[in-house]
Amino acid sequence: SGSILRVNVMGWYRQTPGKERELVATVNSGGNTNYADSVKGRFTISS
């Protein structure tokens, strides 16, 4: 929310102690999705 003209990408990252924040999944305004290999087939992102 806020003064948004367009949303180009939304998604999720995750982080555990001692590790870098890593991409989980994203979806862009065209509906294209991107998943980490570790979650493919198990997680689904949508908007």
ModelCIF file with pLDDT and N, C-alpha, C, O atoms, coordinates in Angstrom:
data_MODEL
#
_entry.id   MODEL 
#
_entity.id                         1 
_entity.type                       polymer 
_entity.pdbx_number_of_molecules   1 
#
_entity_poly.entity_id                      1 
_entity_poly.type                           'polypeptide(L)' 
_entity_poly.nstd_linkage                   no 
_entity_poly.nstd_monomer                   no 
_entity_poly.pdbx_seq_one_letter_code       SGSILRVNVMGWYRQTPGKERELVATVNSGGNTNYADSVKGRFTISS 
_entity_poly.pdbx_seq_one_letter_code_can   SGSILRVNVMGWYRQTPGKERELVATVNSGGNTNYADSVKGRFTISS 
_entity_poly.pdbx_strand_id                 A 
#
loop_
_entity_poly_seq.entity_id 
_entity_poly_seq.num 
_entity_poly_seq.mon_id 
_entity_poly_seq.hetero 
1 1  SER n 
1 2  GLY n 
1 3  SER n 
1 4  ILE n 
1 5  LEU n 
1 6  ARG n 
1 7  VAL n 
1 8  ASN n 
1 9  VAL n 
1 10 MET n 
1 11 GLY n 
1 12 TRP n 
1 13 TYR n 
1 14 ARG n 
1 15 GLN n 
1 16 THR n 
1 17 PRO n 
1 18 GLY n 
1 19 LYS n 
1 20 GLU n 
1 21 ARG n 
1 22 GLU n 
1 23 LEU n 
1 24 VAL n 
1 25 ALA n 
1 26 THR n 
1 27 VAL n 
1 28 ASN n 
1 29 SER n 
1 30 GLY n 
1 31 GLY n 
1 32 ASN n 
1 33 THR n 
1 34 ASN n 
1 35 TYR n 
1 36 ALA n 
1 37 ASP n 
1 38 SER n 
1 39 VAL n 
1 40 LYS n 
1 41 GLY n 
1 42 ARG n 
1 43 PHE n 
1 44 THR n 
1 45 ILE n 
1 46 SER n 
1 47 SER n 
#
_struct_asym.id          A 
_struct_asym.entity_id   1 
#
loop_
_ma_qa_metric.id 
_ma_qa_metric.mode 
_ma_qa_metric.name 
_ma_qa_metric.software_group_id 
_ma_qa_metric.type 
1 global pLDDT . pLDDT 
2 local  pLDDT . pLDDT 
#
_ma_qa_metric_global.metric_id      1 
_ma_qa_metric_global.metric_value   96.15 
_ma_qa_metric_global.model_id       1 
_ma_qa_metric_global.ordinal_id     1 
#
loop_
_ma_qa_metric_local.label_asym_id 
_ma_qa_metric_local.label_comp_id 
_ma_qa_metric_local.label_seq_id 
_ma_qa_metric_local.metric_id 
_ma_qa_metric_local.metric_value 
_ma_qa_metric_local.model_id 
_ma_qa_metric_local.ordinal_id 
A SER 1  2 96.00 1 1  
A GLY 2  2 96.00 1 2  
A SER 3  2 95.00 1 3  
A ILE 4  2 96.00 1 4  
A LEU 5  2 95.00 1 5  
A ARG 6  2 94.00 1 6  
A VAL 7  2 95.00 1 7  
A ASN 8  2 95.00 1 8  
A VAL 9  2 96.00 1 9  
A MET 10 2 96.00 1 10 
A GLY 11 2 97.00 1 11 
A TRP 12 2 98.00 1 12 
A TYR 13 2 98.00 1 13 
A ARG 14 2 98.00 1 14 
A GLN 15 2 98.00 1 15 
A THR 16 2 96.00 1 16 
A PRO 17 2 91.00 1 17 
A GLY 18 2 91.00 1 18 
A LYS 19 2 94.00 1 19 
A GLU 20 2 96.00 1 20 
A ARG 21 2 97.00 1 21 
A GLU 22 2 97.00 1 22 
A LEU 23 2 98.00 1 23 
A VAL 24 2 98.00 1 24 
A ALA 25 2 98.00 1 25 
A THR 26 2 98.00 1 26 
A VAL 27 2 96.00 1 27 
A ASN 28 2 95.00 1 28 
A SER 29 2 92.00 1 29 
A GLY 30 2 92.00 1 30 
A GLY 31 2 92.00 1 31 
A ASN 32 2 95.00 1 32 
A THR 33 2 97.00 1 33 
A ASN 34 2 98.00 1 34 
A TYR 35 2 98.00 1 35 
A ALA 36 2 98.00 1 36 
A ASP 37 2 98.00 1 37 
A SER 38 2 97.00 1 38 
A VAL 39 2 98.00 1 39 
A LYS 40 2 97.00 1 40 
A GLY 41 2 97.00 1 41 
A ARG 42 2 98.00 1 42 
A PHE 43 2 98.00 1 43 
A THR 44 2 98.00 1 44 
A ILE 45 2 98.00 1 45 
A SER 46 2 96.00 1 46 
A SER 47 2 94.00 1 47 
#
loop_
_atom_site.group_PDB 
_atom_site.id 
_atom_site.type_symbol 
_atom_site.label_atom_id 
_atom_site.label_alt_id 
_atom_site.label_comp_id 
_atom_site.label_asym_id 
_atom_site.label_entity_id 
_atom_site.label_seq_id 
_atom_site.pdbx_PDB_ins_code 
_atom_site.Cartn_x 
_atom_site.Cartn_y 
_atom_site.Cartn_z 
_atom_site.occupancy 
_atom_site.B_iso_or_equiv 
_atom_site.pdbx_formal_charge 
_atom_site.auth_seq_id 
_atom_site.auth_comp_id 
_atom_site.auth_asym_id 
_atom_site.auth_atom_id 
_atom_site.pdbx_PDB_model_num 
ATOM 1   N N  . SER A 1 1  ? 0.837  -1.186  0.000   1.00 96.00 ? 1  SER A N  1 
ATOM 2   C CA . SER A 1 1  ? 0.000  0.000   0.000   1.00 96.00 ? 1  SER A CA 1 
ATOM 3   C C  . SER A 1 1  ? 0.876  1.241   0.000   1.00 96.00 ? 1  SER A C  1 
ATOM 4   O O  . SER A 1 1  ? 2.070  1.173   0.290   1.00 96.00 ? 1  SER A O  1 
ATOM 5   N N  . GLY A 1 2  ? 0.273  2.368   -0.326  1.00 96.00 ? 2  GLY A N  1 
ATOM 6   C CA . GLY A 1 2  ? 0.990  3.624   -0.395  1.00 96.00 ? 2  GLY A CA 1 
ATOM 7   C C  . GLY A 1 2  ? 0.790  4.293   -1.739  1.00 96.00 ? 2  GLY A C  1 
ATOM 8   O O  . GLY A 1 2  ? -0.123 3.951   -2.490  1.00 96.00 ? 2  GLY A O  1 
ATOM 9   N N  . SER A 1 3  ? 1.652  5.246   -2.031  1.00 95.00 ? 3  SER A N  1 
ATOM 10  C CA . SER A 1 3  ? 1.557  6.003   -3.278  1.00 95.00 ? 3  SER A CA 1 
ATOM 11  C C  . SER A 1 3  ? 2.237  5.230   -4.397  1.00 95.00 ? 3  SER A C  1 
ATOM 12  O O  . SER A 1 3  ? 3.355  5.548   -4.803  1.00 95.00 ? 3  SER A O  1 
ATOM 13  N N  . ILE A 1 4  ? 1.550  4.220   -4.883  1.00 96.00 ? 4  ILE A N  1 
ATOM 14  C CA . ILE A 1 4  ? 2.105  3.301   -5.876  1.00 96.00 ? 4  ILE A CA 1 
ATOM 15  C C  . ILE A 1 4  ? 1.463  3.553   -7.233  1.00 96.00 ? 4  ILE A C  1 
ATOM 16  O O  . ILE A 1 4  ? 0.240  3.538   -7.371  1.00 96.00 ? 4  ILE A O  1 
ATOM 17  N N  . LEU A 1 5  ? 2.297  3.780   -8.216  1.00 95.00 ? 5  LEU A N  1 
ATOM 18  C CA . LEU A 1 5  ? 1.819  3.890   -9.582  1.00 95.00 ? 5  LEU A CA 1 
ATOM 19  C C  . LEU A 1 5  ? 1.703  2.521   -10.239 1.00 95.00 ? 5  LEU A C  1 
ATOM 20  O O  . LEU A 1 5  ? 0.706  2.222   -10.897 1.00 95.00 ? 5  LEU A O  1 
ATOM 21  N N  . ARG A 1 6  ? 2.726  1.692   -10.058 1.00 94.00 ? 6  ARG A N  1 
ATOM 22  C CA . ARG A 1 6  ? 2.750  0.363   -10.646 1.00 94.00 ? 6  ARG A CA 1 
ATOM 23  C C  . ARG A 1 6  ? 3.523  -0.565  -9.732  1.00 94.00 ? 6  ARG A C  1 
ATOM 24  O O  . ARG A 1 6  ? 4.472  -0.152  -9.065  1.00 94.00 ? 6  ARG A O  1 
ATOM 25  N N  . VAL A 1 7  ? 3.112  -1.820  -9.708  1.00 95.00 ? 7  VAL A N  1 
ATOM 26  C CA . VAL A 1 7  ? 3.848  -2.871  -9.026  1.00 95.00 ? 7  VAL A CA 1 
ATOM 27  C C  . VAL A 1 7  ? 4.482  -3.744  -10.104 1.00 95.00 ? 7  VAL A C  1 
ATOM 28  O O  . VAL A 1 7  ? 3.779  -4.388  -10.883 1.00 95.00 ? 7  VAL A O  1 
ATOM 29  N N  . ASN A 1 8  ? 5.791  -3.762  -10.145 1.00 95.00 ? 8  ASN A N  1 
ATOM 30  C CA . ASN A 1 8  ? 6.487  -4.515  -11.175 1.00 95.00 ? 8  ASN A CA 1 
ATOM 31  C C  . ASN A 1 8  ? 6.784  -5.956  -10.754 1.00 95.00 ? 8  ASN A C  1 
ATOM 32  O O  . ASN A 1 8  ? 6.693  -6.877  -11.566 1.00 95.00 ? 8  ASN A O  1 
ATOM 33  N N  . VAL A 1 9  ? 7.134  -6.141  -9.495  1.00 96.00 ? 9  VAL A N  1 
ATOM 34  C CA . VAL A 1 9  ? 7.479  -7.459  -8.975  1.00 96.00 ? 9  VAL A CA 1 
ATOM 35  C C  . VAL A 1 9  ? 7.017  -7.553  -7.534  1.00 96.00 ? 9  VAL A C  1 
ATOM 36  O O  . VAL A 1 9  ? 7.141  -6.592  -6.775  1.00 96.00 ? 9  VAL A O  1 
ATOM 37  N N  . MET A 1 10 ? 6.485  -8.705  -7.150  1.00 96.00 ? 10 MET A N  1 
ATOM 38  C CA . MET A 1 10 ? 6.295  -9.031  -5.747  1.00 96.00 ? 10 MET A CA 1 
ATOM 39  C C  . MET A 1 10 ? 6.786  -10.455 -5.516  1.00 96.00 ? 10 MET A C  1 
ATOM 40  O O  . MET A 1 10 ? 6.799  -11.280 -6.430  1.00 96.00 ? 10 MET A O  1 
ATOM 41  N N  . GLY A 1 11 ? 7.184  -10.722 -4.290  1.00 97.00 ? 11 GLY A N  1 
ATOM 42  C CA . GLY A 1 11 ? 7.664  -12.060 -4.002  1.00 97.00 ? 11 GLY A CA 1 
ATOM 43  C C  . GLY A 1 11 ? 8.056  -12.250 -2.568  1.00 97.00 ? 11 GLY A C  1 
ATOM 44  O O  . GLY A 1 11 ? 7.700  -11.466 -1.688  1.00 97.00 ? 11 GLY A O  1 
ATOM 45  N N  . TRP A 1 12 ? 8.804  -13.319 -2.348  1.00 98.00 ? 12 TRP A N  1 
ATOM 46  C CA . TRP A 1 12 ? 9.197  -13.724 -1.012  1.00 98.00 ? 12 TRP A CA 1 
ATOM 47  C C  . TRP A 1 12 ? 10.656 -14.136 -0.986  1.00 98.00 ? 12 TRP A C  1 
ATOM 48  O O  . TRP A 1 12 ? 11.138 -14.832 -1.880  1.00 98.00 ? 12 TRP A O  1 
ATOM 49  N N  . TYR A 1 13 ? 11.350 -13.697 0.050   1.00 98.00 ? 13 TYR A N  1 
ATOM 50  C CA . TYR A 1 13 ? 12.680 -14.159 0.391   1.00 98.00 ? 13 TYR A CA 1 
ATOM 51  C C  . TYR A 1 13 ? 12.622 -14.757 1.787   1.00 98.00 ? 13 TYR A C  1 
ATOM 52  O O  . TYR A 1 13 ? 11.663 -14.529 2.524   1.00 98.00 ? 13 TYR A O  1 
ATOM 53  N N  . ARG A 1 14 ? 13.640 -15.519 2.151   1.00 98.00 ? 14 ARG A N  1 
ATOM 54  C CA . ARG A 1 14 ? 13.691 -16.072 3.492   1.00 98.00 ? 14 ARG A CA 1 
ATOM 55  C C  . ARG A 1 14 ? 15.119 -16.053 4.011   1.00 98.00 ? 14 ARG A C  1 
ATOM 56  O O  . ARG A 1 14 ? 16.077 -16.025 3.239   1.00 98.00 ? 14 ARG A O  1 
ATOM 57  N N  . GLN A 1 15 ? 15.245 -16.070 5.349   1.00 98.00 ? 15 GLN A N  1 
ATOM 58  C CA . GLN A 1 15 ? 16.550 -15.983 5.971   1.00 98.00 ? 15 GLN A CA 1 
ATOM 59  C C  . GLN A 1 15 ? 16.554 -16.744 7.290   1.00 98.00 ? 15 GLN A C  1 
ATOM 60  O O  . GLN A 1 15 ? 15.612 -16.654 8.078   1.00 98.00 ? 15 GLN A O  1 
ATOM 61  N N  . THR A 1 16 ? 17.631 -17.495 7.517   1.00 96.00 ? 16 THR A N  1 
ATOM 62  C CA . THR A 1 16 ? 17.869 -18.165 8.782   1.00 96.00 ? 16 THR A CA 1 
ATOM 63  C C  . THR A 1 16 ? 19.150 -17.616 9.383   1.00 96.00 ? 16 THR A C  1 
ATOM 64  O O  . THR A 1 16 ? 19.983 -17.081 8.651   1.00 96.00 ? 16 THR A O  1 
ATOM 65  N N  . PRO A 1 17 ? 19.336 -17.731 10.706  1.00 91.00 ? 17 PRO A N  1 
ATOM 66  C CA . PRO A 1 17 ? 20.550 -17.197 11.325  1.00 91.00 ? 17 PRO A CA 1 
ATOM 67  C C  . PRO A 1 17 ? 21.818 -17.758 10.696  1.00 91.00 ? 17 PRO A C  1 
ATOM 68  O O  . PRO A 1 17 ? 21.940 -18.966 10.493  1.00 91.00 ? 17 PRO A O  1 
ATOM 69  N N  . GLY A 1 18 ? 22.754 -16.877 10.392  1.00 91.00 ? 18 GLY A N  1 
ATOM 70  C CA . GLY A 1 18 ? 24.018 -17.284 9.816   1.00 91.00 ? 18 GLY A CA 1 
ATOM 71  C C  . GLY A 1 18 ? 24.005 -17.488 8.319   1.00 91.00 ? 18 GLY A C  1 
ATOM 72  O O  . GLY A 1 18 ? 25.035 -17.826 7.736   1.00 91.00 ? 18 GLY A O  1 
ATOM 73  N N  . LYS A 1 19 ? 22.871 -17.291 7.686   1.00 94.00 ? 19 LYS A N  1 
ATOM 74  C CA . LYS A 1 19 ? 22.771 -17.468 6.249   1.00 94.00 ? 19 LYS A CA 1 
ATOM 75  C C  . LYS A 1 19 ? 22.332 -16.166 5.590   1.00 94.00 ? 19 LYS A C  1 
ATOM 76  O O  . LYS A 1 19 ? 21.704 -15.313 6.216   1.00 94.00 ? 19 LYS A O  1 
ATOM 77  N N  . GLU A 1 20 ? 22.675 -16.035 4.317   1.00 96.00 ? 20 GLU A N  1 
ATOM 78  C CA . GLU A 1 20 ? 22.210 -14.898 3.541   1.00 96.00 ? 20 GLU A CA 1 
ATOM 79  C C  . GLU A 1 20 ? 20.726 -15.036 3.247   1.00 96.00 ? 20 GLU A C  1 
ATOM 80  O O  . GLU A 1 20 ? 20.188 -16.141 3.169   1.00 96.00 ? 20 GLU A O  1 
ATOM 81  N N  . ARG A 1 21 ? 20.085 -13.901 3.088   1.00 97.00 ? 21 ARG A N  1 
ATOM 82  C CA . ARG A 1 21 ? 18.711 -13.918 2.649   1.00 97.00 ? 21 ARG A CA 1 
ATOM 83  C C  . ARG A 1 21 ? 18.655 -14.476 1.226   1.00 97.00 ? 21 ARG A C  1 
ATOM 84  O O  . ARG A 1 21 ? 19.424 -14.059 0.360   1.00 97.00 ? 21 ARG A O  1 
ATOM 85  N N  . GLU A 1 22 ? 17.750 -15.412 0.992   1.00 97.00 ? 22 GLU A N  1 
ATOM 86  C CA . GLU A 1 22 ? 17.675 -16.073 -0.293  1.00 97.00 ? 22 GLU A CA 1 
ATOM 87  C C  . GLU A 1 22 ? 16.298 -15.926 -0.910  1.00 97.00 ? 22 GLU A C  1 
ATOM 88  O O  . GLU A 1 22 ? 15.286 -15.850 -0.213  1.00 97.00 ? 22 GLU A O  1 
ATOM 89  N N  . LEU A 1 23 ? 16.287 -15.888 -2.217  1.00 98.00 ? 23 LEU A N  1 
ATOM 90  C CA . LEU A 1 23 ? 15.031 -15.817 -2.944  1.00 98.00 ? 23 LEU A CA 1 
ATOM 91  C C  . LEU A 1 23 ? 14.255 -17.111 -2.783  1.00 98.00 ? 23 LEU A C  1 
ATOM 92  O O  . LEU A 1 23 ? 14.822 -18.200 -2.871  1.00 98.00 ? 23 LEU A O  1 
ATOM 93  N N  . VAL A 1 24 ? 12.950 -16.988 -2.545  1.00 98.00 ? 24 VAL A N  1 
ATOM 94  C CA . VAL A 1 24 ? 12.045 -18.133 -2.531  1.00 98.00 ? 24 VAL A CA 1 
ATOM 95  C C  . VAL A 1 24 ? 11.255 -18.177 -3.827  1.00 98.00 ? 24 VAL A C  1 
ATOM 96  O O  . VAL A 1 24 ? 11.290 -19.172 -4.552  1.00 98.00 ? 24 VAL A O  1 
ATOM 97  N N  . ALA A 1 25 ? 10.546 -17.099 -4.115  1.00 98.00 ? 25 ALA A N  1 
ATOM 98  C CA . ALA A 1 25 ? 9.737  -17.038 -5.329  1.00 98.00 ? 25 ALA A CA 1 
ATOM 99  C C  . ALA A 1 25 ? 9.360  -15.599 -5.613  1.00 98.00 ? 25 ALA A C  1 
ATOM 100 O O  . ALA A 1 25 ? 9.201  -14.796 -4.694  1.00 98.00 ? 25 ALA A O  1 
ATOM 101 N N  . THR A 1 26 ? 9.216  -15.276 -6.885  1.00 98.00 ? 26 THR A N  1 
ATOM 102 C CA . THR A 1 26 ? 8.739  -13.965 -7.300  1.00 98.00 ? 26 THR A CA 1 
ATOM 103 C C  . THR A 1 26 ? 7.749  -14.116 -8.442  1.00 98.00 ? 26 THR A C  1 
ATOM 104 O O  . THR A 1 26 ? 7.744  -15.122 -9.150  1.00 98.00 ? 26 THR A O  1 
ATOM 105 N N  . VAL A 1 27 ? 6.916  -13.103 -8.609  1.00 96.00 ? 27 VAL A N  1 
ATOM 106 C CA . VAL A 1 27 ? 6.024  -13.010 -9.751  1.00 96.00 ? 27 VAL A CA 1 
ATOM 107 C C  . VAL A 1 27 ? 6.046  -11.569 -10.232 1.00 96.00 ? 27 VAL A C  1 
ATOM 108 O O  . VAL A 1 27 ? 5.974  -10.642 -9.425  1.00 96.00 ? 27 VAL A O  1 
ATOM 109 N N  . ASN A 1 28 ? 6.147  -11.374 -11.544 1.00 95.00 ? 28 ASN A N  1 
ATOM 110 C CA . ASN A 1 28 ? 6.178  -10.018 -12.065 1.00 95.00 ? 28 ASN A CA 1 
ATOM 111 C C  . ASN A 1 28 ? 4.824  -9.620  -12.648 1.00 95.00 ? 28 ASN A C  1 
ATOM 112 O O  . ASN A 1 28 ? 3.878  -10.407 -12.656 1.00 95.00 ? 28 ASN A O  1 
ATOM 113 N N  . SER A 1 29 ? 4.755  -8.384  -13.133 1.00 92.00 ? 29 SER A N  1 
ATOM 114 C CA . SER A 1 29 ? 3.485  -7.853  -13.614 1.00 92.00 ? 29 SER A CA 1 
ATOM 115 C C  . SER A 1 29 ? 2.960  -8.592  -14.833 1.00 92.00 ? 29 SER A C  1 
ATOM 116 O O  . SER A 1 29 ? 1.767  -8.520  -15.127 1.00 92.00 ? 29 SER A O  1 
ATOM 117 N N  . GLY A 1 30 ? 3.820  -9.295  -15.541 1.00 92.00 ? 30 GLY A N  1 
ATOM 118 C CA . GLY A 1 30 ? 3.397  -10.111 -16.662 1.00 92.00 ? 30 GLY A CA 1 
ATOM 119 C C  . GLY A 1 30 ? 2.946  -11.497 -16.279 1.00 92.00 ? 30 GLY A C  1 
ATOM 120 O O  . GLY A 1 30 ? 2.545  -12.277 -17.143 1.00 92.00 ? 30 GLY A O  1 
ATOM 121 N N  . GLY A 1 31 ? 3.003  -11.826 -14.990 1.00 92.00 ? 31 GLY A N  1 
ATOM 122 C CA . GLY A 1 31 ? 2.595  -13.131 -14.515 1.00 92.00 ? 31 GLY A CA 1 
ATOM 123 C C  . GLY A 1 31 ? 3.687  -14.179 -14.539 1.00 92.00 ? 31 GLY A C  1 
ATOM 124 O O  . GLY A 1 31 ? 3.433  -15.344 -14.234 1.00 92.00 ? 31 GLY A O  1 
ATOM 125 N N  . ASN A 1 32 ? 4.893  -13.785 -14.895 1.00 95.00 ? 32 ASN A N  1 
ATOM 126 C CA . ASN A 1 32 ? 6.003  -14.724 -14.913 1.00 95.00 ? 32 ASN A CA 1 
ATOM 127 C C  . ASN A 1 32 ? 6.487  -15.001 -13.499 1.00 95.00 ? 32 ASN A C  1 
ATOM 128 O O  . ASN A 1 32 ? 6.614  -14.082 -12.690 1.00 95.00 ? 32 ASN A O  1 
ATOM 129 N N  . THR A 1 33 ? 6.755  -16.257 -13.204 1.00 97.00 ? 33 THR A N  1 
ATOM 130 C CA . THR A 1 33 ? 7.185  -16.662 -11.873 1.00 97.00 ? 33 THR A CA 1 
ATOM 131 C C  . THR A 1 33 ? 8.602  -17.189 -11.896 1.00 97.00 ? 33 THR A C  1 
ATOM 132 O O  . THR A 1 33 ? 9.100  -17.664 -12.917 1.00 97.00 ? 33 THR A O  1 
ATOM 133 N N  . ASN A 1 34 ? 9.237  -17.093 -10.742 1.00 98.00 ? 34 ASN A N  1 
ATOM 134 C CA . ASN A 1 34 ? 10.595 -17.583 -10.559 1.00 98.00 ? 34 ASN A CA 1 
ATOM 135 C C  . ASN A 1 34 ? 10.668 -18.226 -9.182  1.00 98.00 ? 34 ASN A C  1 
ATOM 136 O O  . ASN A 1 34 ? 10.235 -17.635 -8.193  1.00 98.00 ? 34 ASN A O  1 
ATOM 137 N N  . TYR A 1 35 ? 11.223 -19.447 -9.117  1.00 98.00 ? 35 TYR A N  1 
ATOM 138 C CA . TYR A 1 35 ? 11.299 -20.191 -7.873  1.00 98.00 ? 35 TYR A CA 1 
ATOM 139 C C  . TYR A 1 35 ? 12.718 -20.651 -7.598  1.00 98.00 ? 35 TYR A C  1 
ATOM 140 O O  . TYR A 1 35 ? 13.474 -20.974 -8.514  1.00 98.00 ? 35 TYR A O  1 
ATOM 141 N N  . ALA A 1 36 ? 13.065 -20.676 -6.322  1.00 98.00 ? 36 ALA A N  1 
ATOM 142 C CA . ALA A 1 36 ? 14.288 -21.345 -5.931  1.00 98.00 ? 36 ALA A CA 1 
ATOM 143 C C  . ALA A 1 36 ? 14.156 -22.842 -6.198  1.00 98.00 ? 36 ALA A C  1 
ATOM 144 O O  . ALA A 1 36 ? 13.070 -23.409 -6.074  1.00 98.00 ? 36 ALA A O  1 
ATOM 145 N N  . ASP A 1 37 ? 15.267 -23.475 -6.566  1.00 98.00 ? 37 ASP A N  1 
ATOM 146 C CA . ASP A 1 37 ? 15.227 -24.907 -6.847  1.00 98.00 ? 37 ASP A CA 1 
ATOM 147 C C  . ASP A 1 37 ? 14.704 -25.711 -5.655  1.00 98.00 ? 37 ASP A C  1 
ATOM 148 O O  . ASP A 1 37 ? 14.045 -26.734 -5.836  1.00 98.00 ? 37 ASP A O  1 
ATOM 149 N N  . SER A 1 38 ? 14.995 -25.254 -4.459  1.00 97.00 ? 38 SER A N  1 
ATOM 150 C CA . SER A 1 38 ? 14.629 -25.989 -3.263  1.00 97.00 ? 38 SER A CA 1 
ATOM 151 C C  . SER A 1 38 ? 13.124 -26.029 -3.004  1.00 97.00 ? 38 SER A C  1 
ATOM 152 O O  . SER A 1 38 ? 12.658 -26.852 -2.216  1.00 97.00 ? 38 SER A O  1 
ATOM 153 N N  . VAL A 1 39 ? 12.360 -25.154 -3.656  1.00 98.00 ? 39 VAL A N  1 
ATOM 154 C CA . VAL A 1 39 ? 10.918 -25.104 -3.412  1.00 98.00 ? 39 VAL A CA 1 
ATOM 155 C C  . VAL A 1 39 ? 10.098 -25.436 -4.643  1.00 98.00 ? 39 VAL A C  1 
ATOM 156 O O  . VAL A 1 39 ? 8.873  -25.516 -4.553  1.00 98.00 ? 39 VAL A O  1 
ATOM 157 N N  . LYS A 1 40 ? 10.729 -25.629 -5.785  1.00 97.00 ? 40 LYS A N  1 
ATOM 158 C CA . LYS A 1 40 ? 9.991  -25.953 -7.000  1.00 97.00 ? 40 LYS A CA 1 
ATOM 159 C C  . LYS A 1 40 ? 9.181  -27.225 -6.817  1.00 97.00 ? 40 LYS A C  1 
ATOM 160 O O  . LYS A 1 40 ? 9.678  -28.223 -6.296  1.00 97.00 ? 40 LYS A O  1 
ATOM 161 N N  . GLY A 1 41 ? 7.933  -27.177 -7.250  1.00 97.00 ? 41 GLY A N  1 
ATOM 162 C CA . GLY A 1 41 ? 7.048  -28.312 -7.120  1.00 97.00 ? 41 GLY A CA 1 
ATOM 163 C C  . GLY A 1 41 ? 6.328  -28.384 -5.797  1.00 97.00 ? 41 GLY A C  1 
ATOM 164 O O  . GLY A 1 41 ? 5.390  -29.167 -5.647  1.00 97.00 ? 41 GLY A O  1 
ATOM 165 N N  . ARG A 1 42 ? 6.744  -27.582 -4.829  1.00 98.00 ? 42 ARG A N  1 
ATOM 166 C CA . ARG A 1 42 ? 6.113  -27.580 -3.508  1.00 98.00 ? 42 ARG A CA 1 
ATOM 167 C C  . ARG A 1 42 ? 5.418  -26.252 -3.189  1.00 98.00 ? 42 ARG A C  1 
ATOM 168 O O  . ARG A 1 42 ? 4.357  -26.238 -2.565  1.00 98.00 ? 42 ARG A O  1 
ATOM 169 N N  . PHE A 1 43 ? 6.018  -25.146 -3.616  1.00 98.00 ? 43 PHE A N  1 
ATOM 170 C CA . PHE A 1 43 ? 5.476  -23.817 -3.337  1.00 98.00 ? 43 PHE A CA 1 
ATOM 171 C C  . PHE A 1 43 ? 4.875  -23.228 -4.609  1.00 98.00 ? 43 PHE A C  1 
ATOM 172 O O  . PHE A 1 43 ? 5.341  -23.503 -5.714  1.00 98.00 ? 43 PHE A O  1 
ATOM 173 N N  . THR A 1 44 ? 3.837  -22.417 -4.440  1.00 98.00 ? 44 THR A N  1 
ATOM 174 C CA . THR A 1 44 ? 3.213  -21.724 -5.548  1.00 98.00 ? 44 THR A CA 1 
ATOM 175 C C  . THR A 1 44 ? 3.009  -20.261 -5.179  1.00 98.00 ? 44 THR A C  1 
ATOM 176 O O  . THR A 1 44 ? 2.427  -19.952 -4.139  1.00 98.00 ? 44 THR A O  1 
ATOM 177 N N  . ILE A 1 45 ? 3.488  -19.364 -6.033  1.00 98.00 ? 45 ILE A N  1 
ATOM 178 C CA . ILE A 1 45 ? 3.300  -17.939 -5.816  1.00 98.00 ? 45 ILE A CA 1 
ATOM 179 C C  . ILE A 1 45 ? 2.223  -17.430 -6.766  1.00 98.00 ? 45 ILE A C  1 
ATOM 180 O O  . ILE A 1 45 ? 2.120  -17.889 -7.904  1.00 98.00 ? 45 ILE A O  1 
ATOM 181 N N  . SER A 1 46 ? 1.430  -16.488 -6.296  1.00 96.00 ? 46 SER A N  1 
ATOM 182 C CA . SER A 1 46 ? 0.379  -15.900 -7.110  1.00 96.00 ? 46 SER A CA 1 
ATOM 183 C C  . SER A 1 46 ? 0.114  -14.484 -6.642  1.00 96.00 ? 46 SER A C  1 
ATOM 184 O O  . SER A 1 46 ? 0.521  -14.099 -5.546  1.00 96.00 ? 46 SER A O  1 
ATOM 185 N N  . SER A 1 47 ? -0.569 -13.706 -7.472  1.00 94.00 ? 47 SER A N  1 
ATOM 186 C CA . SER A 1 47 ? -0.916 -12.336 -7.129  1.00 94.00 ? 47 SER A CA 1 
ATOM 187 C C  . SER A 1 47 ? -2.322 -12.038 -7.603  1.00 94.00 ? 47 SER A C  1 
ATOM 188 O O  . SER A 1 47 ? -2.815 -10.926 -7.412  1.00 94.00 ? 47 SER A O  1 
#
